[in-house]
């Protein structure tokens, strides 16, 4: 094989590798954008769940504070005793 033919063959092979690399680079860029979008959606969903948990916690704390009044009122009603003031 002569030098010119080897150079042409090497240029062809390098061009094929560059084409494959360019294709893979575009695929990775696209996947990276998709992952960033997925991350954003996931964070939003977790924020929503976290907000709902906070609401439940506030409700449970409120119920814990109100429970003695609720129970004593029910007991008075059942026993027929008037409420103390």
PDB file of N, CA and C in Angstrom:
ATOM      1  N   UNK A   1       0.847  -1.183   0.000  1.00  0.00           N
ATOM      2  CA  UNK A   1       0.000   0.000   0.000  1.00  0.00           C
ATOM      3  C   UNK A   1       0.887   1.239   0.000  1.00  0.00           C
ATOM      4  N   UNK A   2       0.477   2.212  -0.786  1.00  0.00           N
ATOM      5  CA  UNK A   2       1.297   3.425  -0.792  1.00  0.00           C
ATOM      6  C   UNK A   2       0.831   4.396   0.276  1.00  0.00           C
ATOM      7  N   UNK A   3       1.611   5.410   0.535  1.00  0.00           N
ATOM      8  CA  UNK A   3       1.369   6.369   1.606  1.00  0.00           C
ATOM      9  C   UNK A   3       0.072   7.147   1.367  1.00  0.00           C
ATOM     10  N   UNK A   4      -0.168   7.535   0.133  1.00  0.00           N
ATOM     11  CA  UNK A   4      -1.384   8.303  -0.168  1.00  0.00           C
ATOM     12  C   UNK A   4      -2.639   7.478   0.112  1.00  0.00           C
ATOM     13  N   UNK A   5      -2.623   6.213  -0.215  1.00  0.00           N
ATOM     14  CA  UNK A   5      -3.772   5.337   0.036  1.00  0.00           C
ATOM     15  C   UNK A   5      -3.979   5.151   1.542  1.00  0.00           C
ATOM     16  N   UNK A   6      -2.887   5.023   2.269  1.00  0.00           N
ATOM     17  CA  UNK A   6      -2.999   4.893   3.722  1.00  0.00           C
ATOM     18  C   UNK A   6      -3.571   6.167   4.335  1.00  0.00           C
ATOM     19  N   UNK A   7      -3.125   7.313   3.840  1.00  0.00           N
ATOM     20  CA  UNK A   7      -3.647   8.591   4.347  1.00  0.00           C
ATOM     21  C   UNK A   7      -5.137   8.694   4.074  1.00  0.00           C
ATOM     22  N   UNK A   8      -5.577   8.355   2.846  1.00  0.00           N
ATOM     23  CA  UNK A   8      -7.004   8.390   2.511  1.00  0.00           C
ATOM     24  C   UNK A   8      -7.800   7.443   3.410  1.00  0.00           C
ATOM     25  N   UNK A   9      -7.253   6.242   3.644  1.00  0.00           N
ATOM     26  CA  UNK A   9      -7.926   5.271   4.490  1.00  0.00           C
ATOM     27  C   UNK A   9      -8.033   5.797   5.924  1.00  0.00           C
ATOM     28  N   UNK A  10      -6.977   6.382   6.448  1.00  0.00           N
ATOM     29  CA  UNK A  10      -7.002   6.952   7.792  1.00  0.00           C
ATOM     30  C   UNK A  10      -7.990   8.118   7.881  1.00  0.00           C
ATOM     31  N   UNK A  11      -8.023   8.975   6.863  1.00  0.00           N
ATOM     32  CA  UNK A  11      -8.975  10.099   6.854  1.00  0.00           C
ATOM     33  C   UNK A  11     -10.403   9.584   6.861  1.00  0.00           C
ATOM     34  N   UNK A  12     -10.651   8.529   6.070  1.00  0.00           N
ATOM     35  CA  UNK A  12     -11.993   7.949   6.027  1.00  0.00           C
ATOM     36  C   UNK A  12     -12.371   7.390   7.394  1.00  0.00           C
ATOM     37  N   UNK A  13     -11.459   6.675   8.033  1.00  0.00           N
ATOM     38  CA  UNK A  13     -11.734   6.088   9.337  1.00  0.00           C
ATOM     39  C   UNK A  13     -11.932   7.162  10.403  1.00  0.00           C
ATOM     40  N   UNK A  14     -11.135   8.205  10.369  1.00  0.00           N
ATOM     41  CA  UNK A  14     -11.286   9.308  11.314  1.00  0.00           C
ATOM     42  C   UNK A  14     -12.634   9.990  11.106  1.00  0.00           C
ATOM     43  N   UNK A  15     -13.020  10.176   9.864  1.00  0.00           N
ATOM     44  CA  UNK A  15     -14.307  10.790   9.556  1.00  0.00           C
ATOM     45  C   UNK A  15     -15.457   9.947  10.102  1.00  0.00           C
ATOM     46  N   UNK A  16     -15.369   8.631   9.969  1.00  0.00           N
ATOM     47  CA  UNK A  16     -16.400   7.749  10.512  1.00  0.00           C
ATOM     48  C   UNK A  16     -16.469   7.866  12.035  1.00  0.00           C
ATOM     49  N   UNK A  17     -15.313   7.905  12.673  1.00  0.00           N
ATOM     50  CA  UNK A  17     -15.269   8.032  14.138  1.00  0.00           C
ATOM     51  C   UNK A  17     -15.844   9.376  14.561  1.00  0.00           C
ATOM     52  N   UNK A  18     -15.487  10.446  13.847  1.00  0.00           N
ATOM     53  CA  UNK A  18     -16.022  11.775  14.176  1.00  0.00           C
ATOM     54  C   UNK A  18     -17.536  11.801  14.026  1.00  0.00           C
ATOM     55  N   UNK A  19     -18.048  11.148  12.982  1.00  0.00           N
ATOM     56  CA  UNK A  19     -19.491  11.091  12.783  1.00  0.00           C
ATOM     57  C   UNK A  19     -20.175  10.358  13.919  1.00  0.00           C
ATOM     58  N   UNK A  20     -19.610   9.241  14.322  1.00  0.00           N
ATOM     59  CA  UNK A  20     -20.180   8.480  15.448  1.00  0.00           C
ATOM     60  C   UNK A  20     -20.119   9.299  16.726  1.00  0.00           C
ATOM     61  N   UNK A  21     -19.000   9.976  16.945  1.00  0.00           N
ATOM     62  CA  UNK A  21     -18.838  10.793  18.140  1.00  0.00           C
ATOM     63  C   UNK A  21     -19.856  11.933  18.150  1.00  0.00           C
ATOM     64  N   UNK A  22     -20.065  12.574  17.012  1.00  0.00           N
ATOM     65  CA  UNK A  22     -21.051  13.657  16.912  1.00  0.00           C
ATOM     66  C   UNK A  22     -22.454  13.152  17.221  1.00  0.00           C
ATOM     67  N   UNK A  23     -22.793  11.988  16.696  1.00  0.00           N
ATOM     68  CA  UNK A  23     -24.104  11.406  16.960  1.00  0.00           C
ATOM     69  C   UNK A  23     -24.276  11.132  18.452  1.00  0.00           C
ATOM     70  N   UNK A  24     -23.261  10.511  19.054  1.00  0.00           N
ATOM     71  CA  UNK A  24     -23.341  10.206  20.482  1.00  0.00           C
ATOM     72  C   UNK A  24     -23.401  11.478  21.323  1.00  0.00           C
ATOM     73  N   UNK A  25     -22.687  12.508  20.918  1.00  0.00           N
ATOM     74  CA  UNK A  25     -22.707  13.773  21.646  1.00  0.00           C
ATOM     75  C   UNK A  25     -24.113  14.363  21.648  1.00  0.00           C
ATOM     76  N   UNK A  26     -24.782  14.321  20.519  1.00  0.00           N
ATOM     77  CA  UNK A  26     -26.153  14.834  20.436  1.00  0.00           C
ATOM     78  C   UNK A  26     -27.094  14.003  21.303  1.00  0.00           C
ATOM     79  N   UNK A  27     -26.902  12.699  21.306  1.00  0.00           N
ATOM     80  CA  UNK A  27     -27.739  11.828  22.129  1.00  0.00           C
ATOM     81  C   UNK A  27     -27.551  12.138  23.614  1.00  0.00           C
ATOM     82  N   UNK A  28     -26.307  12.336  24.032  1.00  0.00           N
ATOM     83  CA  UNK A  28     -26.031  12.633  25.440  1.00  0.00           C
ATOM     84  C   UNK A  28     -26.602  13.995  25.819  1.00  0.00           C
ATOM     85  N   UNK A  29     -26.484  14.991  24.938  1.00  0.00           N
ATOM     86  CA  UNK A  29     -27.060  16.316  25.206  1.00  0.00           C
ATOM     87  C   UNK A  29     -28.574  16.217  25.385  1.00  0.00           C
ATOM     88  N   UNK A  30     -29.217  15.462  24.509  1.00  0.00           N
ATOM     89  CA  UNK A  30     -30.666  15.291  24.594  1.00  0.00           C
ATOM     90  C   UNK A  30     -31.052  14.587  25.893  1.00  0.00           C
ATOM     91  N   UNK A  31     -30.312  13.560  26.245  1.00  0.00           N
ATOM     92  CA  UNK A  31     -30.597  12.829  27.471  1.00  0.00           C
ATOM     93  C   UNK A  31     -30.371  13.724  28.690  1.00  0.00           C
ATOM     94  N   UNK A  32     -29.362  14.559  28.644  1.00  0.00           N
ATOM     95  CA  UNK A  32     -29.086  15.475  29.756  1.00  0.00           C
ATOM     96  C   UNK A  32     -30.244  16.458  29.941  1.00  0.00           C
ATOM     97  N   UNK A  33     -30.755  17.003  28.847  1.00  0.00           N
ATOM     98  CA  UNK A  33     -31.912  17.911  28.932  1.00  0.00           C
ATOM     99  C   UNK A  33     -33.124  17.181  29.519  1.00  0.00           C
ATOM    100  N   UNK A  34     -33.345  15.947  29.071  1.00  0.00           N
ATOM    101  CA  UNK A  34     -34.466  15.164  29.602  1.00  0.00           C
ATOM    102  C   UNK A  34     -34.305  14.897  31.094  1.00  0.00           C
ATOM    103  N   UNK A  35     -33.095  14.600  31.516  1.00  0.00           N
ATOM    104  CA  UNK A  35     -32.848  14.355  32.943  1.00  0.00           C
ATOM    105  C   UNK A  35     -33.066  15.612  33.766  1.00  0.00           C
ATOM    106  N   UNK A  36     -32.662  16.763  33.251  1.00  0.00           N
ATOM    107  CA  UNK A  36     -32.897  18.011  33.971  1.00  0.00           C
ATOM    108  C   UNK A  36     -34.387  18.298  34.106  1.00  0.00           C
ATOM    109  N   UNK A  37     -35.143  18.046  33.037  1.00  0.00           N
ATOM    110  CA  UNK A  37     -36.599  18.244  33.089  1.00  0.00           C
ATOM    111  C   UNK A  37     -37.226  17.271  34.087  1.00  0.00           C
ATOM    112  N   UNK A  38     -36.762  16.029  34.085  1.00  0.00           N
ATOM    113  CA  UNK A  38     -37.267  15.030  35.026  1.00  0.00           C
ATOM    114  C   UNK A  38     -36.959  15.444  36.456  1.00  0.00           C
ATOM    115  N   UNK A  39     -35.760  15.957  36.683  1.00  0.00           N
ATOM    116  CA  UNK A  39     -35.374  16.402  38.021  1.00  0.00           C
ATOM    117  C   UNK A  39     -36.288  17.524  38.499  1.00  0.00           C
ATOM    118  N   UNK A  40     -36.574  18.473  37.626  1.00  0.00           N
ATOM    119  CA  UNK A  40     -37.446  19.591  37.982  1.00  0.00           C
ATOM    120  C   UNK A  40     -38.840  19.090  38.348  1.00  0.00           C
ATOM    121  N   UNK A  41     -39.400  18.210  37.523  1.00  0.00           N
ATOM    122  CA  UNK A  41     -40.730  17.667  37.812  1.00  0.00           C
ATOM    123  C   UNK A  41     -40.744  16.898  39.124  1.00  0.00           C
ATOM    124  N   UNK A  42     -39.701  16.108  39.350  1.00  0.00           N
ATOM    125  CA  UNK A  42     -39.624  15.319  40.579  1.00  0.00           C
ATOM    126  C   UNK A  42     -39.549  16.223  41.800  1.00  0.00           C
ATOM    127  N   UNK A  43     -38.732  17.276  41.720  1.00  0.00           N
ATOM    128  CA  UNK A  43     -38.628  18.214  42.839  1.00  0.00           C
ATOM    129  C   UNK A  43     -39.967  18.892  43.110  1.00  0.00           C
ATOM    130  N   UNK A  44     -40.692  19.251  42.054  1.00  0.00           N
ATOM    131  CA  UNK A  44     -42.006  19.876  42.235  1.00  0.00           C
ATOM    132  C   UNK A  44     -42.965  18.911  42.921  1.00  0.00           C
ATOM    133  N   UNK A  45     -42.935  17.655  42.517  1.00  0.00           N
ATOM    134  CA  UNK A  45     -43.830  16.665  43.133  1.00  0.00           C
ATOM    135  C   UNK A  45     -43.488  16.455  44.605  1.00  0.00           C
ATOM    136  N   UNK A  46     -42.201  16.377  44.917  1.00  0.00           N
ATOM    137  CA  UNK A  46     -41.805  16.220  46.311  1.00  0.00           C
ATOM    138  C   UNK A  46     -42.196  17.442  47.129  1.00  0.00           C
ATOM    139  N   UNK A  47     -42.089  18.625  46.536  1.00  0.00           N
ATOM    140  CA  UNK A  47     -42.513  19.836  47.238  1.00  0.00           C
ATOM    141  C   UNK A  47     -44.007  19.787  47.543  1.00  0.00           C
ATOM    142  N   UNK A  48     -44.803  19.291  46.583  1.00  0.00           N
ATOM    143  CA  UNK A  48     -46.248  19.171  46.807  1.00  0.00           C
ATOM    144  C   UNK A  48     -46.537  18.182  47.936  1.00  0.00           C
ATOM    145  N   UNK A  49     -45.857  17.050  47.918  1.00  0.00           N
ATOM    146  CA  UNK A  49     -46.061  16.040  48.959  1.00  0.00           C
ATOM    147  C   UNK A  49     -45.633  16.605  50.306  1.00  0.00           C
ATOM    148  N   UNK A  50     -44.513  17.310  50.325  1.00  0.00           N
ATOM    149  CA  UNK A  50     -44.024  17.900  51.563  1.00  0.00           C
ATOM    150  C   UNK A  50     -45.031  18.911  52.115  1.00  0.00           C
ATOM    151  N   UNK A  51     -45.636  19.697  51.235  1.00  0.00           N
ATOM    152  CA  UNK A  51     -46.660  20.655  51.662  1.00  0.00           C
ATOM    153  C   UNK A  51     -47.868  19.961  52.257  1.00  0.00           C
ATOM    154  N   UNK A  52     -48.274  18.848  51.653  1.00  0.00           N
ATOM    155  CA  UNK A  52     -49.427  18.104  52.171  1.00  0.00           C
ATOM    156  C   UNK A  52     -49.102  17.474  53.525  1.00  0.00           C
ATOM    157  N   UNK A  53     -47.882  17.006  53.689  1.00  0.00           N
ATOM    158  CA  UNK A  53     -47.479  16.442  54.979  1.00  0.00           C
ATOM    159  C   UNK A  53     -47.517  17.522  56.048  1.00  0.00           C
ATOM    160  N   UNK A  54     -47.063  18.739  55.699  1.00  0.00           N
ATOM    161  CA  UNK A  54     -47.124  19.851  56.647  1.00  0.00           C
ATOM    162  C   UNK A  54     -48.566  20.143  57.064  1.00  0.00           C
ATOM    163  N   UNK A  55     -49.496  20.091  56.103  1.00  0.00           N
ATOM    164  CA  UNK A  55     -50.909  20.334  56.418  1.00  0.00           C
ATOM    165  C   UNK A  55     -51.440  19.266  57.370  1.00  0.00           C
ATOM    166  N   UNK A  56     -51.087  18.026  57.121  1.00  0.00           N
ATOM    167  CA  UNK A  56     -51.529  16.929  57.986  1.00  0.00           C
ATOM    168  C   UNK A  56     -50.937  17.115  59.384  1.00  0.00           C
ATOM    169  N   UNK A  57     -49.659  17.468  59.450  1.00  0.00           N
ATOM    170  CA  UNK A  57     -49.021  17.693  60.756  1.00  0.00           C
ATOM    171  C   UNK A  57     -49.728  18.792  61.533  1.00  0.00           C
ATOM    172  N   UNK A  58     -50.067  19.889  60.859  1.00  0.00           N
ATOM    173  CA  UNK A  58     -50.781  20.975  61.533  1.00  0.00           C
ATOM    174  C   UNK A  58     -52.145  20.496  62.012  1.00  0.00           C
ATOM    175  N   UNK A  59     -52.816  19.695  61.205  1.00  0.00           N
ATOM    176  CA  UNK A  59     -54.124  19.171  61.590  1.00  0.00           C
ATOM    177  C   UNK A  59     -54.039  18.258  62.794  1.00  0.00           C
ATOM    178  N   UNK A  60     -53.012  17.405  62.819  1.00  0.00           N
ATOM    179  CA  UNK A  60     -52.840  16.497  63.952  1.00  0.00           C
ATOM    180  C   UNK A  60     -52.508  17.294  65.210  1.00  0.00           C
ATOM    181  N   UNK A  61     -51.630  18.301  65.087  1.00  0.00           N
ATOM    182  CA  UNK A  61     -51.305  19.129  66.253  1.00  0.00           C
ATOM    183  C   UNK A  61     -52.546  19.852  66.769  1.00  0.00           C
ATOM    184  N   UNK A  62     -53.359  20.358  65.859  1.00  0.00           N
ATOM    185  CA  UNK A  62     -54.593  21.032  66.258  1.00  0.00           C
ATOM    186  C   UNK A  62     -55.557  20.078  66.937  1.00  0.00           C
ATOM    187  N   UNK A  63     -55.657  18.869  66.388  1.00  0.00           N
ATOM    188  CA  UNK A  63     -56.527  17.867  66.996  1.00  0.00           C
ATOM    189  C   UNK A  63     -56.019  17.493  68.384  1.00  0.00           C
ATOM    190  N   UNK A  64     -54.714  17.372  68.535  1.00  0.00           N
ATOM    191  CA  UNK A  64     -54.143  17.048  69.838  1.00  0.00           C
ATOM    192  C   UNK A  64     -54.482  18.142  70.853  1.00  0.00           C
ATOM    193  N   UNK A  65     -54.449  19.387  70.430  1.00  0.00           N
ATOM    194  CA  UNK A  65     -54.777  20.491  71.341  1.00  0.00           C
ATOM    195  C   UNK A  65     -56.267  20.514  71.662  1.00  0.00           C
ATOM    196  N   UNK A  66     -57.109  20.178  70.693  1.00  0.00           N
ATOM    197  CA  UNK A  66     -58.559  20.244  70.891  1.00  0.00           C
ATOM    198  C   UNK A  66     -59.147  18.983  71.531  1.00  0.00           C
ATOM    199  N   UNK A  67     -58.398  17.882  71.510  1.00  0.00           N
ATOM    200  CA  UNK A  67     -58.932  16.599  71.976  1.00  0.00           C
ATOM    201  C   UNK A  67     -59.436  16.647  73.420  1.00  0.00           C
ATOM    202  N   UNK A  68     -58.745  17.238  74.384  1.00  0.00           N
ATOM    203  CA  UNK A  68     -59.288  17.259  75.754  1.00  0.00           C
ATOM    204  C   UNK A  68     -60.654  17.941  75.835  1.00  0.00           C
ATOM    205  N   UNK A  69     -60.827  19.045  75.109  1.00  0.00           N
ATOM    206  CA  UNK A  69     -62.119  19.738  75.110  1.00  0.00           C
ATOM    207  C   UNK A  69     -63.206  18.875  74.475  1.00  0.00           C
ATOM    208  N   UNK A  70     -62.854  18.198  73.416  1.00  0.00           N
ATOM    209  CA  UNK A  70     -63.826  17.351  72.722  1.00  0.00           C
ATOM    210  C   UNK A  70     -64.275  16.207  73.631  1.00  0.00           C
ATOM    211  N   UNK A  71     -63.305  15.538  74.257  1.00  0.00           N
ATOM    212  CA  UNK A  71     -63.630  14.404  75.114  1.00  0.00           C
ATOM    213  C   UNK A  71     -64.420  14.863  76.336  1.00  0.00           C
ATOM    214  N   UNK A  72     -63.971  15.965  76.978  1.00  0.00           N
ATOM    215  CA  UNK A  72     -64.693  16.427  78.170  1.00  0.00           C
ATOM    216  C   UNK A  72     -66.105  16.867  77.822  1.00  0.00           C
ATOM    217  N   UNK A  73     -66.289  17.509  76.678  1.00  0.00           N
ATOM    218  CA  UNK A  73     -67.634  17.898  76.249  1.00  0.00           C
ATOM    219  C   UNK A  73     -68.515  16.692  76.011  1.00  0.00           C
ATOM    220  N   UNK A  74     -67.959  15.650  75.402  1.00  0.00           N
ATOM    221  CA  UNK A  74     -68.735  14.431  75.148  1.00  0.00           C
ATOM    222  C   UNK A  74     -69.088  13.742  76.455  1.00  0.00           C
ATOM    223  N   UNK A  75     -68.148  13.708  77.391  1.00  0.00           N
ATOM    224  CA  UNK A  75     -68.422  13.071  78.684  1.00  0.00           C
ATOM    225  C   UNK A  75     -69.495  13.841  79.451  1.00  0.00           C
ATOM    226  N   UNK A  76     -69.419  15.166  79.430  1.00  0.00           N
ATOM    227  CA  UNK A  76     -70.452  15.972  80.108  1.00  0.00           C
ATOM    228  C   UNK A  76     -71.821  15.703  79.501  1.00  0.00           C
ATOM    229  N   UNK A  77     -71.843  15.617  78.170  1.00  0.00           N
ATOM    230  CA  UNK A  77     -73.105  15.377  77.482  1.00  0.00           C
ATOM    231  C   UNK A  77     -73.680  14.024  77.868  1.00  0.00           C
ATOM    232  N   UNK A  78     -72.824  13.030  77.922  1.00  0.00           N
ATOM    233  CA  UNK A  78     -73.272  11.686  78.276  1.00  0.00           C
ATOM    234  C   UNK A  78     -73.714  11.627  79.739  1.00  0.00           C
ATOM    235  N   UNK A  79     -72.961  12.270  80.623  1.00  0.00           N
ATOM    236  CA  UNK A  79     -73.288  12.220  82.050  1.00  0.00           C
ATOM    237  C   UNK A  79     -74.333  13.254  82.457  1.00  0.00           C
ATOM    238  N   UNK A  80     -74.651  14.200  81.553  1.00  0.00           N
ATOM    239  CA  UNK A  80     -75.663  15.198  81.817  1.00  0.00           C
ATOM    240  C   UNK A  80     -75.215  16.268  82.799  1.00  0.00           C
ATOM    241  N   UNK A  81     -73.909  16.518  82.903  1.00  0.00           N
ATOM    242  CA  UNK A  81     -73.411  17.546  83.813  1.00  0.00           C
ATOM    243  C   UNK A  81     -73.260  18.848  83.061  1.00  0.00           C
ATOM    244  N   UNK A  82     -73.549  19.981  83.699  1.00  0.00           N
ATOM    245  CA  UNK A  82     -73.363  21.272  83.032  1.00  0.00           C
ATOM    246  C   UNK A  82     -71.875  21.595  82.909  1.00  0.00           C
ATOM    247  N   UNK A  83     -71.567  22.428  81.972  1.00  0.00           N
ATOM    248  CA  UNK A  83     -70.178  22.824  81.687  1.00  0.00           C
ATOM    249  C   UNK A  83     -69.717  23.850  82.706  1.00  0.00           C
ATOM    250  N   UNK A  84     -68.481  23.696  83.203  1.00  0.00           N
ATOM    251  CA  UNK A  84     -67.899  24.661  84.139  1.00  0.00           C
ATOM    252  C   UNK A  84     -67.419  25.874  83.361  1.00  0.00           C
ATOM    253  N   UNK A  85     -67.548  27.052  84.009  1.00  0.00           N
ATOM    254  CA  UNK A  85     -67.052  28.274  83.333  1.00  0.00           C
ATOM    255  C   UNK A  85     -66.038  28.963  84.150  1.00  0.00           C
TER     256      UNK A  85
END
